[in-house]
Amino acid sequence: MEIYECFEIIVQVLIWFLAGCWLVAVIRTIKNRYAPLKKERAVVVDVYKEQRPSRFPQVWKQELFMVVFEVEKKRLAFPVSDFSARSYKKGQKGTLCYKGNKLIEFR
């Protein structure tokens, strides 16, 4: 097997891998966009902050605030703004309204 053949196989594997990643992203987007609107009784289990590498080179870290709800013995986590994260308290009960992986409201 020559080096050209090895390079060709590597390129094909890379193309299939990228196509698979793109397909998964498209399916997730469609699934979340057309998910039904759900309203369920929930309890706030946790509110925390994650630090992730930023997409922008000027900013080293990006803060992401997450709220975790318990709904019928399963846990759902949603990203929220820092302003919204301050309004959630552990043990707070209410009605959670969400669509796919997007938090609509919690009362």
PDB file of N, CA and C in Angstrom:
ATOM      1  N   MET A   1       0.843  -1.173   0.000  1.00  0.00           N
ATOM      2  CA  MET A   1       0.000   0.000   0.000  1.00  0.00           C
ATOM      3  C   MET A   1       0.894   1.244   0.000  1.00  0.00           C
ATOM      4  N   GLU A   2       0.674   2.081  -0.959  1.00  0.00           N
ATOM      5  CA  GLU A   2       1.484   3.285  -1.077  1.00  0.00           C
ATOM      6  C   GLU A   2       0.938   4.391  -0.180  1.00  0.00           C
ATOM      7  N   ILE A   3       1.735   5.413  -0.026  1.00  0.00           N
ATOM      8  CA  ILE A   3       1.345   6.529   0.841  1.00  0.00           C
ATOM      9  C   ILE A   3       0.118   7.262   0.297  1.00  0.00           C
ATOM     10  N   TYR A   4      -0.013   7.293  -1.028  1.00  0.00           N
ATOM     11  CA  TYR A   4      -1.173   7.953  -1.634  1.00  0.00           C
ATOM     12  C   TYR A   4      -2.459   7.225  -1.248  1.00  0.00           C
ATOM     13  N   GLU A   5      -2.429   5.894  -1.245  1.00  0.00           N
ATOM     14  CA  GLU A   5      -3.602   5.113  -0.874  1.00  0.00           C
ATOM     15  C   GLU A   5      -3.965   5.312   0.596  1.00  0.00           C
ATOM     16  N   CYS A   6      -2.965   5.374   1.461  1.00  0.00           N
ATOM     17  CA  CYS A   6      -3.212   5.630   2.890  1.00  0.00           C
ATOM     18  C   CYS A   6      -3.841   7.005   3.085  1.00  0.00           C
ATOM     19  N   PHE A   7      -3.314   7.990   2.392  1.00  0.00           N
ATOM     20  CA  PHE A   7      -3.854   9.345   2.492  1.00  0.00           C
ATOM     21  C   PHE A   7      -5.303   9.390   2.015  1.00  0.00           C
ATOM     22  N   GLU A   8      -5.591   8.674   0.934  1.00  0.00           N
ATOM     23  CA  GLU A   8      -6.950   8.638   0.387  1.00  0.00           C
ATOM     24  C   GLU A   8      -7.927   8.009   1.391  1.00  0.00           C
ATOM     25  N   ILE A   9      -7.525   6.944   2.050  1.00  0.00           N
ATOM     26  CA  ILE A   9      -8.367   6.291   3.056  1.00  0.00           C
ATOM     27  C   ILE A   9      -8.603   7.225   4.241  1.00  0.00           C
ATOM     28  N   ILE A  10      -7.575   7.905   4.694  1.00  0.00           N
ATOM     29  CA  ILE A  10      -7.703   8.845   5.819  1.00  0.00           C
ATOM     30  C   ILE A  10      -8.667   9.971   5.467  1.00  0.00           C
ATOM     31  N   VAL A  11      -8.573  10.496   4.266  1.00  0.00           N
ATOM     32  CA  VAL A  11      -9.468  11.572   3.832  1.00  0.00           C
ATOM     33  C   VAL A  11     -10.912  11.078   3.774  1.00  0.00           C
ATOM     34  N   GLN A  12     -11.132   9.874   3.257  1.00  0.00           N
ATOM     35  CA  GLN A  12     -12.480   9.321   3.194  1.00  0.00           C
ATOM     36  C   GLN A  12     -13.065   9.110   4.586  1.00  0.00           C
ATOM     37  N   VAL A  13     -12.285   8.587   5.510  1.00  0.00           N
ATOM     38  CA  VAL A  13     -12.745   8.387   6.889  1.00  0.00           C
ATOM     39  C   VAL A  13     -13.087   9.728   7.522  1.00  0.00           C
ATOM     40  N   LEU A  14     -12.261  10.720   7.308  1.00  0.00           N
ATOM     41  CA  LEU A  14     -12.507  12.056   7.851  1.00  0.00           C
ATOM     42  C   LEU A  14     -13.791  12.658   7.277  1.00  0.00           C
ATOM     43  N   ILE A  15     -14.004  12.509   5.998  1.00  0.00           N
ATOM     44  CA  ILE A  15     -15.231  13.021   5.360  1.00  0.00           C
ATOM     45  C   ILE A  15     -16.457  12.328   5.934  1.00  0.00           C
ATOM     46  N   TRP A  16     -16.429  11.007   6.082  1.00  0.00           N
ATOM     47  CA  TRP A  16     -17.571  10.279   6.652  1.00  0.00           C
ATOM     48  C   TRP A  16     -17.810  10.690   8.101  1.00  0.00           C
ATOM     49  N   PHE A  17     -16.754  10.895   8.856  1.00  0.00           N
ATOM     50  CA  PHE A  17     -16.887  11.322  10.254  1.00  0.00           C
ATOM     51  C   PHE A  17     -17.553  12.692  10.343  1.00  0.00           C
ATOM     52  N   LEU A  18     -17.092  13.632   9.529  1.00  0.00           N
ATOM     53  CA  LEU A  18     -17.686  14.973   9.522  1.00  0.00           C
ATOM     54  C   LEU A  18     -19.137  14.943   9.057  1.00  0.00           C
ATOM     55  N   ALA A  19     -19.438  14.119   8.069  1.00  0.00           N
ATOM     56  CA  ALA A  19     -20.821  13.988   7.600  1.00  0.00           C
ATOM     57  C   ALA A  19     -21.708  13.416   8.705  1.00  0.00           C
ATOM     58  N   GLY A  20     -21.202  12.458   9.439  1.00  0.00           N
ATOM     59  CA  GLY A  20     -21.953  11.883  10.561  1.00  0.00           C
ATOM     60  C   GLY A  20     -22.205  12.909  11.651  1.00  0.00           C
ATOM     61  N   CYS A  21     -21.193  13.704  11.988  1.00  0.00           N
ATOM     62  CA  CYS A  21     -21.350  14.764  13.002  1.00  0.00           C
ATOM     63  C   CYS A  21     -22.379  15.792  12.545  1.00  0.00           C
ATOM     64  N   TRP A  22     -22.324  16.160  11.276  1.00  0.00           N
ATOM     65  CA  TRP A  22     -23.278  17.126  10.741  1.00  0.00           C
ATOM     66  C   TRP A  22     -24.694  16.561  10.796  1.00  0.00           C
ATOM     67  N   LEU A  23     -24.862  15.293  10.450  1.00  0.00           N
ATOM     68  CA  LEU A  23     -26.175  14.649  10.474  1.00  0.00           C
ATOM     69  C   LEU A  23     -26.737  14.606  11.892  1.00  0.00           C
ATOM     70  N   VAL A  24     -25.912  14.281  12.869  1.00  0.00           N
ATOM     71  CA  VAL A  24     -26.361  14.261  14.268  1.00  0.00           C
ATOM     72  C   VAL A  24     -26.795  15.657  14.700  1.00  0.00           C
ATOM     73  N   ALA A  25     -26.044  16.684  14.328  1.00  0.00           N
ATOM     74  CA  ALA A  25     -26.404  18.061  14.691  1.00  0.00           C
ATOM     75  C   ALA A  25     -27.731  18.473  14.058  1.00  0.00           C
ATOM     76  N   VAL A  26     -27.946  18.104  12.806  1.00  0.00           N
ATOM     77  CA  VAL A  26     -29.202  18.438  12.128  1.00  0.00           C
ATOM     78  C   VAL A  26     -30.377  17.719  12.785  1.00  0.00           C
ATOM     79  N   ILE A  27     -30.215  16.445  13.101  1.00  0.00           N
ATOM     80  CA  ILE A  27     -31.286  15.681  13.743  1.00  0.00           C
ATOM     81  C   ILE A  27     -31.621  16.268  15.109  1.00  0.00           C
ATOM     82  N   ARG A  28     -30.603  16.626  15.898  1.00  0.00           N
ATOM     83  CA  ARG A  28     -30.854  17.236  17.218  1.00  0.00           C
ATOM     84  C   ARG A  28     -31.596  18.560  17.083  1.00  0.00           C
ATOM     85  N   THR A  29     -31.211  19.373  16.117  1.00  0.00           N
ATOM     86  CA  THR A  29     -31.867  20.662  15.905  1.00  0.00           C
ATOM     87  C   THR A  29     -33.331  20.470  15.532  1.00  0.00           C
ATOM     88  N   ILE A  30     -33.594  19.568  14.612  1.00  0.00           N
ATOM     89  CA  ILE A  30     -34.975  19.306  14.201  1.00  0.00           C
ATOM     90  C   ILE A  30     -35.780  18.742  15.370  1.00  0.00           C
ATOM     91  N   LYS A  31     -35.192  17.835  16.108  1.00  0.00           N
ATOM     92  CA  LYS A  31     -35.880  17.219  17.243  1.00  0.00           C
ATOM     93  C   LYS A  31     -36.253  18.262  18.291  1.00  0.00           C
ATOM     94  N   ASN A  32     -35.346  19.180  18.588  1.00  0.00           N
ATOM     95  CA  ASN A  32     -35.624  20.219  19.583  1.00  0.00           C
ATOM     96  C   ASN A  32     -36.616  21.256  19.065  1.00  0.00           C
ATOM     97  N   ARG A  33     -36.525  21.602  17.798  1.00  0.00           N
ATOM     98  CA  ARG A  33     -37.413  22.616  17.239  1.00  0.00           C
ATOM     99  C   ARG A  33     -38.862  22.140  17.195  1.00  0.00           C
ATOM    100  N   TYR A  34     -39.075  20.883  16.864  1.00  0.00           N
ATOM    101  CA  TYR A  34     -40.426  20.353  16.720  1.00  0.00           C
ATOM    102  C   TYR A  34     -40.880  19.522  17.922  1.00  0.00           C
ATOM    103  N   ALA A  35     -40.161  19.627  19.028  1.00  0.00           N
ATOM    104  CA  ALA A  35     -40.568  18.919  20.247  1.00  0.00           C
ATOM    105  C   ALA A  35     -41.846  19.545  20.792  1.00  0.00           C
ATOM    106  N   PRO A  36     -42.683  18.751  21.447  1.00  0.00           N
ATOM    107  CA  PRO A  36     -43.911  19.313  22.009  1.00  0.00           C
ATOM    108  C   PRO A  36     -43.613  20.181  23.232  1.00  0.00           C
ATOM    109  N   LEU A  37     -44.460  21.151  23.466  1.00  0.00           N
ATOM    110  CA  LEU A  37     -44.357  22.003  24.650  1.00  0.00           C
ATOM    111  C   LEU A  37     -44.871  21.199  25.840  1.00  0.00           C
ATOM    112  N   LYS A  38     -44.064  21.074  26.880  1.00  0.00           N
ATOM    113  CA  LYS A  38     -44.445  20.270  28.048  1.00  0.00           C
ATOM    114  C   LYS A  38     -44.546  21.153  29.281  1.00  0.00           C
ATOM    115  N   LYS A  39     -45.556  20.889  30.103  1.00  0.00           N
ATOM    116  CA  LYS A  39     -45.735  21.552  31.393  1.00  0.00           C
ATOM    117  C   LYS A  39     -45.838  20.465  32.444  1.00  0.00           C
ATOM    118  N   GLU A  40     -44.934  20.519  33.435  1.00  0.00           N
ATOM    119  CA  GLU A  40     -44.907  19.493  34.470  1.00  0.00           C
ATOM    120  C   GLU A  40     -44.543  20.114  35.807  1.00  0.00           C
ATOM    121  N   ARG A  41     -44.994  19.485  36.875  1.00  0.00           N
ATOM    122  CA  ARG A  41     -44.613  19.905  38.214  1.00  0.00           C
ATOM    123  C   ARG A  41     -43.145  19.537  38.424  1.00  0.00           C
ATOM    124  N   ALA A  42     -42.379  20.464  38.988  1.00  0.00           N
ATOM    125  CA  ALA A  42     -40.947  20.226  39.134  1.00  0.00           C
ATOM    126  C   ALA A  42     -40.412  20.877  40.399  1.00  0.00           C
ATOM    127  N   VAL A  43     -39.235  20.428  40.801  1.00  0.00           N
ATOM    128  CA  VAL A  43     -38.512  20.976  41.949  1.00  0.00           C
ATOM    129  C   VAL A  43     -37.104  21.329  41.486  1.00  0.00           C
ATOM    130  N   VAL A  44     -36.626  22.504  41.901  1.00  0.00           N
ATOM    131  CA  VAL A  44     -35.244  22.893  41.573  1.00  0.00           C
ATOM    132  C   VAL A  44     -34.305  22.077  42.456  1.00  0.00           C
ATOM    133  N   VAL A  45     -33.427  21.309  41.821  1.00  0.00           N
ATOM    134  CA  VAL A  45     -32.493  20.450  42.540  1.00  0.00           C
ATOM    135  C   VAL A  45     -31.143  21.147  42.725  1.00  0.00           C
ATOM    136  N   ASP A  46     -30.695  21.862  41.694  1.00  0.00           N
ATOM    137  CA  ASP A  46     -29.375  22.481  41.762  1.00  0.00           C
ATOM    138  C   ASP A  46     -29.291  23.664  40.803  1.00  0.00           C
ATOM    139  N   VAL A  47     -28.480  24.632  41.194  1.00  0.00           N
ATOM    140  CA  VAL A  47     -28.137  25.768  40.346  1.00  0.00           C
ATOM    141  C   VAL A  47     -26.622  25.896  40.429  1.00  0.00           C
ATOM    142  N   TYR A  48     -25.940  25.815  39.308  1.00  0.00           N
ATOM    143  CA  TYR A  48     -24.482  25.893  39.340  1.00  0.00           C
ATOM    144  C   TYR A  48     -23.936  26.616  38.121  1.00  0.00           C
ATOM    145  N   LYS A  49     -22.651  26.928  38.210  1.00  0.00           N
ATOM    146  CA  LYS A  49     -21.957  27.662  37.154  1.00  0.00           C
ATOM    147  C   LYS A  49     -20.830  26.789  36.614  1.00  0.00           C
ATOM    148  N   GLU A  50     -20.765  26.688  35.309  1.00  0.00           N
ATOM    149  CA  GLU A  50     -19.664  25.976  34.643  1.00  0.00           C
ATOM    150  C   GLU A  50     -18.772  26.987  33.950  1.00  0.00           C
ATOM    151  N   GLN A  51     -17.513  26.670  33.872  1.00  0.00           N
ATOM    152  CA  GLN A  51     -16.599  27.500  33.083  1.00  0.00           C
ATOM    153  C   GLN A  51     -16.094  26.657  31.924  1.00  0.00           C
ATOM    154  N   ARG A  52     -16.318  27.155  30.733  1.00  0.00           N
ATOM    155  CA  ARG A  52     -15.910  26.452  29.521  1.00  0.00           C
ATOM    156  C   ARG A  52     -14.970  27.344  28.722  1.00  0.00           C
ATOM    157  N   PRO A  53     -14.131  26.742  27.905  1.00  0.00           N
ATOM    158  CA  PRO A  53     -13.298  27.568  27.028  1.00  0.00           C
ATOM    159  C   PRO A  53     -14.187  28.371  26.084  1.00  0.00           C
ATOM    160  N   SER A  54     -13.837  29.618  25.893  1.00  0.00           N
ATOM    161  CA  SER A  54     -14.634  30.494  25.044  1.00  0.00           C
ATOM    162  C   SER A  54     -14.341  30.257  23.569  1.00  0.00           C
ATOM    163  N   ARG A  55     -15.313  30.602  22.737  1.00  0.00           N
ATOM    164  CA  ARG A  55     -15.117  30.513  21.289  1.00  0.00           C
ATOM    165  C   ARG A  55     -14.334  31.716  20.771  1.00  0.00           C
ATOM    166  N   PHE A  56     -14.243  32.748  21.595  1.00  0.00           N
ATOM    167  CA  PHE A  56     -13.592  33.981  21.177  1.00  0.00           C
ATOM    168  C   PHE A  56     -12.201  34.062  21.784  1.00  0.00           C
ATOM    169  N   PRO A  57     -11.192  34.367  20.999  1.00  0.00           N
ATOM    170  CA  PRO A  57      -9.816  34.355  21.507  1.00  0.00           C
ATOM    171  C   PRO A  57      -9.525  35.430  22.559  1.00  0.00           C
ATOM    172  N   GLN A  58     -10.296  36.509  22.589  1.00  0.00           N
ATOM    173  CA  GLN A  58     -10.039  37.570  23.563  1.00  0.00           C
ATOM    174  C   GLN A  58     -10.500  37.167  24.974  1.00  0.00           C
ATOM    175  N   VAL A  59     -11.478  36.283  25.040  1.00  0.00           N
ATOM    176  CA  VAL A  59     -12.034  35.851  26.324  1.00  0.00           C
ATOM    177  C   VAL A  59     -11.577  34.410  26.564  1.00  0.00           C
ATOM    178  N   TRP A  60     -10.896  34.188  27.707  1.00  0.00           N
ATOM    179  CA  TRP A  60     -10.353  32.861  27.957  1.00  0.00           C
ATOM    180  C   TRP A  60     -11.414  31.859  28.365  1.00  0.00           C
ATOM    181  N   LYS A  61     -12.333  32.302  29.253  1.00  0.00           N
ATOM    182  CA  LYS A  61     -13.336  31.377  29.756  1.00  0.00           C
ATOM    183  C   LYS A  61     -14.720  31.977  29.622  1.00  0.00           C
ATOM    184  N   GLN A  62     -15.682  31.119  29.376  1.00  0.00           N
ATOM    185  CA  GLN A  62     -17.069  31.531  29.263  1.00  0.00           C
ATOM    186  C   GLN A  62     -17.828  30.886  30.418  1.00  0.00           C
ATOM    187  N   GLU A  63     -18.621  31.680  31.139  1.00  0.00           N
ATOM    188  CA  GLU A  63     -19.407  31.151  32.244  1.00  0.00           C
ATOM    189  C   GLU A  63     -20.774  30.738  31.732  1.00  0.00           C
ATOM    190  N   LEU A  64     -21.192  29.551  32.121  1.00  0.00           N
ATOM    191  CA  LEU A  64     -22.485  29.025  31.727  1.00  0.00           C
ATOM    192  C   LEU A  64     -23.221  28.621  32.992  1.00  0.00           C
ATOM    193  N   PHE A  65     -24.395  29.187  33.217  1.00  0.00           N
ATOM    194  CA  PHE A  65     -25.192  28.885  34.398  1.00  0.00           C
ATOM    195  C   PHE A  65     -26.219  27.815  34.034  1.00  0.00           C
ATOM    196  N   MET A  66     -26.353  26.822  34.894  1.00  0.00           N
ATOM    197  CA  MET A  66     -27.268  25.703  34.659  1.00  0.00           C
ATOM    198  C   MET A  66     -28.238  25.569  35.832  1.00  0.00           C
ATOM    199  N   VAL A  67     -29.484  25.238  35.516  1.00  0.00           N
ATOM    200  CA  VAL A  67     -30.497  24.948  36.529  1.00  0.00           C
ATOM    201  C   VAL A  67     -30.944  23.518  36.300  1.00  0.00           C
ATOM    202  N   VAL A  68     -30.963  22.724  37.375  1.00  0.00           N
ATOM    203  CA  VAL A  68     -31.355  21.322  37.287  1.00  0.00           C
ATOM    204  C   VAL A  68     -32.693  21.154  38.004  1.00  0.00           C
ATOM    205  N   PHE A  69     -33.656  20.569  37.285  1.00  0.00           N
ATOM    206  CA  PHE A  69     -34.984  20.311  37.831  1.00  0.00           C
ATOM    207  C   PHE A  69     -35.192  18.806  37.960  1.00  0.00           C
ATOM    208  N   GLU A  70     -35.987  18.422  38.954  1.00  0.00           N
ATOM    209  CA  GLU A  70     -36.398  17.029  39.065  1.00  0.00           C
ATOM    210  C   GLU A  70     -37.867  16.954  38.686  1.00  0.00           C
ATOM    211  N   VAL A  71     -38.153  16.154  37.666  1.00  0.00           N
ATOM    212  CA  VAL A  71     -39.504  15.981  37.146  1.00  0.00           C
ATOM    213  C   VAL A  71     -39.799  14.489  37.097  1.00  0.00           C
ATOM    214  N   GLU A  72     -40.753  14.036  37.900  1.00  0.00           N
ATOM    215  CA  GLU A  72     -41.148  12.627  37.909  1.00  0.00           C
ATOM    216  C   GLU A  72     -39.949  11.684  37.960  1.00  0.00           C
ATOM    217  N   LYS A  73     -39.085  11.887  38.915  1.00  0.00           N
ATOM    218  CA  LYS A  73     -37.900  11.055  39.170  1.00  0.00           C
ATOM    219  C   LYS A  73     -36.865  11.074  38.051  1.00  0.00           C
ATOM    220  N   LYS A  74     -36.931  12.070  37.160  1.00  0.00           N
ATOM    221  CA  LYS A  74     -35.855  12.257  36.186  1.00  0.00           C
ATOM    222  C   LYS A  74     -35.358  13.692  36.312  1.00  0.00           C
ATOM    223  N   ARG A  75     -34.131  13.920  35.958  1.00  0.00           N
ATOM    224  CA  ARG A  75     -33.528  15.248  36.098  1.00  0.00           C
ATOM    225  C   ARG A  75     -33.322  15.878  34.736  1.00  0.00           C
ATOM    226  N   LEU A  76     -33.704  17.146  34.644  1.00  0.00           N
ATOM    227  CA  LEU A  76     -33.536  17.919  33.422  1.00  0.00           C
ATOM    228  C   LEU A  76     -32.688  19.141  33.739  1.00  0.00           C
ATOM    229  N   ALA A  77     -31.690  19.423  32.918  1.00  0.00           N
ATOM    230  CA  ALA A  77     -30.820  20.581  33.115  1.00  0.00           C
ATOM    231  C   ALA A  77     -30.989  21.536  31.940  1.00  0.00           C
ATOM    232  N   PHE A  78     -31.064  22.837  32.255  1.00  0.00           N
ATOM    233  CA  PHE A  78     -31.242  23.861  31.231  1.00  0.00           C
ATOM    234  C   PHE A  78     -30.236  24.988  31.452  1.00  0.00           C
ATOM    235  N   PRO A  79     -29.630  25.491  30.387  1.00  0.00           N
ATOM    236  CA  PRO A  79     -28.770  26.672  30.534  1.00  0.00           C
ATOM    237  C   PRO A  79     -29.634  27.920  30.707  1.00  0.00           C
ATOM    238  N   VAL A  80     -29.206  28.811  31.612  1.00  0.00           N
ATOM    239  CA  VAL A  80     -29.917  30.069  31.852  1.00  0.00           C
ATOM    240  C   VAL A  80     -28.904  31.199  31.957  1.00  0.00           C
ATOM    241  N   SER A  81     -29.383  32.433  31.908  1.00  0.00           N
ATOM    242  CA  SER A  81     -28.502  33.588  32.066  1.00  0.00           C
ATOM    243  C   SER A  81     -28.111  33.732  33.536  1.00  0.00           C
ATOM    244  N   ASP A  82     -27.054  34.485  33.806  1.00  0.00           N
ATOM    245  CA  ASP A  82     -26.640  34.693  35.193  1.00  0.00           C
ATOM    246  C   ASP A  82     -27.723  35.436  35.979  1.00  0.00           C
ATOM    247  N   PHE A  83     -28.438  36.332  35.328  1.00  0.00           N
ATOM    248  CA  PHE A  83     -29.523  37.073  35.974  1.00  0.00           C
ATOM    249  C   PHE A  83     -30.645  36.117  36.388  1.00  0.00           C
ATOM    250  N   SER A  84     -31.017  35.204  35.502  1.00  0.00           N
ATOM    251  CA  SER A  84     -32.068  34.230  35.817  1.00  0.00           C
ATOM    252  C   SER A  84     -31.619  33.236  36.872  1.00  0.00           C
ATOM    253  N   ALA A  85     -30.362  32.845  36.841  1.00  0.00           N
ATOM    254  CA  ALA A  85     -29.859  31.848  37.788  1.00  0.00           C
ATOM    255  C   ALA A  85     -30.009  32.328  39.228  1.00  0.00           C
ATOM    256  N   ARG A  86     -29.921  33.633  39.453  1.00  0.00           N
ATOM    257  CA  ARG A  86     -30.064  34.165  40.817  1.00  0.00           C
ATOM    258  C   ARG A  86     -31.478  34.007  41.360  1.00  0.00           C
ATOM    259  N   SER A  87     -32.466  33.867  40.482  1.00  0.00           N
ATOM    260  CA  SER A  87     -33.847  33.792  40.946  1.00  0.00           C
ATOM    261  C   SER A  87     -34.268  32.366  41.331  1.00  0.00           C
ATOM    262  N   TYR A  88     -33.484  31.362  40.977  1.00  0.00           N
ATOM    263  CA  TYR A  88     -33.817  29.978  41.325  1.00  0.00           C
ATOM    264  C   TYR A  88     -33.165  29.603  42.643  1.00  0.00           C
ATOM    265  N   LYS A  89     -33.940  28.938  43.505  1.00  0.00           N
ATOM    266  CA  LYS A  89     -33.435  28.480  44.807  1.00  0.00           C
ATOM    267  C   LYS A  89     -33.636  26.976  44.905  1.00  0.00           C
ATOM    268  N   LYS A  90     -32.683  26.294  45.514  1.00  0.00           N
ATOM    269  CA  LYS A  90     -32.804  24.844  45.702  1.00  0.00           C
ATOM    270  C   LYS A  90     -34.053  24.549  46.516  1.00  0.00           C
ATOM    271  N   GLY A  91     -34.796  23.540  46.088  1.00  0.00           N
ATOM    272  CA  GLY A  91     -36.020  23.149  46.780  1.00  0.00           C
ATOM    273  C   GLY A  91     -37.257  23.905  46.328  1.00  0.00           C
ATOM    274  N   GLN A  92     -37.090  24.891  45.472  1.00  0.00           N
ATOM    275  CA  GLN A  92     -38.219  25.677  44.968  1.00  0.00           C
ATOM    276  C   GLN A  92     -39.106  24.784  44.106  1.00  0.00           C
ATOM    277  N   LYS A  93     -40.427  24.848  44.373  1.00  0.00           N
ATOM    278  CA  LYS A  93     -41.377  24.020  43.621  1.00  0.00           C
ATOM    279  C   LYS A  93     -42.206  24.898  42.708  1.00  0.00           C
ATOM    280  N   GLY A  94     -42.607  24.324  41.582  1.00  0.00           N
ATOM    281  CA  GLY A  94     -43.432  25.071  40.646  1.00  0.00           C
ATOM    282  C   GLY A  94     -43.742  24.258  39.404  1.00  0.00           C
ATOM    283  N   THR A  95     -44.262  24.944  38.412  1.00  0.00           N
ATOM    284  CA  THR A  95     -44.590  24.318  37.141  1.00  0.00           C
ATOM    285  C   THR A  95     -43.523  24.683  36.117  1.00  0.00           C
ATOM    286  N   LEU A  96     -42.902  23.669  35.563  1.00  0.00           N
ATOM    287  CA  LEU A  96     -41.850  23.834  34.566  1.00  0.00           C
ATOM    288  C   LEU A  96     -42.466  23.722  33.184  1.00  0.00           C
ATOM    289  N   CYS A  97     -42.182  24.690  32.346  1.00  0.00           N
ATOM    290  CA  CYS A  97     -42.651  24.681  30.961  1.00  0.00           C
ATOM    291  C   CYS A  97     -41.394  24.678  30.073  1.00  0.00           C
ATOM    292  N   TYR A  98     -41.246  23.635  29.252  1.00  0.00           N
ATOM    293  CA  TYR A  98     -40.066  23.531  28.403  1.00  0.00           C
ATOM    294  C   TYR A  98     -40.417  22.898  27.065  1.00  0.00           C
ATOM    295  N   LYS A  99     -39.546  23.125  26.105  1.00  0.00           N
ATOM    296  CA  LYS A  99     -39.706  22.572  24.761  1.00  0.00           C
ATOM    297  C   LYS A  99     -38.355  22.052  24.305  1.00  0.00           C
ATOM    298  N   GLY A 100     -38.230  20.747  24.183  1.00  0.00           N
ATOM    299  CA  GLY A 100     -36.949  20.143  23.814  1.00  0.00           C
ATOM    300  C   GLY A 100     -35.930  20.388  24.907  1.00  0.00           C
ATOM    301  N   ASN A 101     -34.845  21.076  24.584  1.00  0.00           N
ATOM    302  CA  ASN A 101     -33.836  21.400  25.589  1.00  0.00           C
ATOM    303  C   ASN A 101     -33.857  22.899  25.943  1.00  0.00           C
ATOM    304  N   LYS A 102     -34.997  23.571  25.708  1.00  0.00           N
ATOM    305  CA  LYS A 102     -35.116  24.990  25.972  1.00  0.00           C
ATOM    306  C   LYS A 102     -36.115  25.239  27.094  1.00  0.00           C
ATOM    307  N   LEU A 103     -35.674  25.947  28.115  1.00  0.00           N
ATOM    308  CA  LEU A 103     -36.539  26.314  29.235  1.00  0.00           C
ATOM    309  C   LEU A 103     -37.389  27.498  28.812  1.00  0.00           C
ATOM    310  N   ILE A 104     -38.716  27.350  28.899  1.00  0.00           N
ATOM    311  CA  ILE A 104     -39.629  28.428  28.537  1.00  0.00           C
ATOM    312  C   ILE A 104     -39.936  29.274  29.771  1.00  0.00           C
ATOM    313  N   GLU A 105     -40.429  28.626  30.848  1.00  0.00           N
ATOM    314  CA  GLU A 105     -40.667  29.343  32.099  1.00  0.00           C
ATOM    315  C   GLU A 105     -40.802  28.377  33.253  1.00  0.00           C
ATOM    316  N   PHE A 106     -40.630  28.901  34.459  1.00  0.00           N
ATOM    317  CA  PHE A 106     -40.816  28.140  35.683  1.00  0.00           C
ATOM    318  C   PHE A 106     -41.525  29.046  36.659  1.00  0.00           C
ATOM    319  N   ARG A 107     -42.722  28.633  37.098  1.00  0.00           N
ATOM    320  CA  ARG A 107     -43.505  29.421  38.064  1.00  0.00           C
ATOM    321  C   ARG A 107     -43.793  28.604  39.284  1.00  0.00           C
TER     322      ARG A 107
END
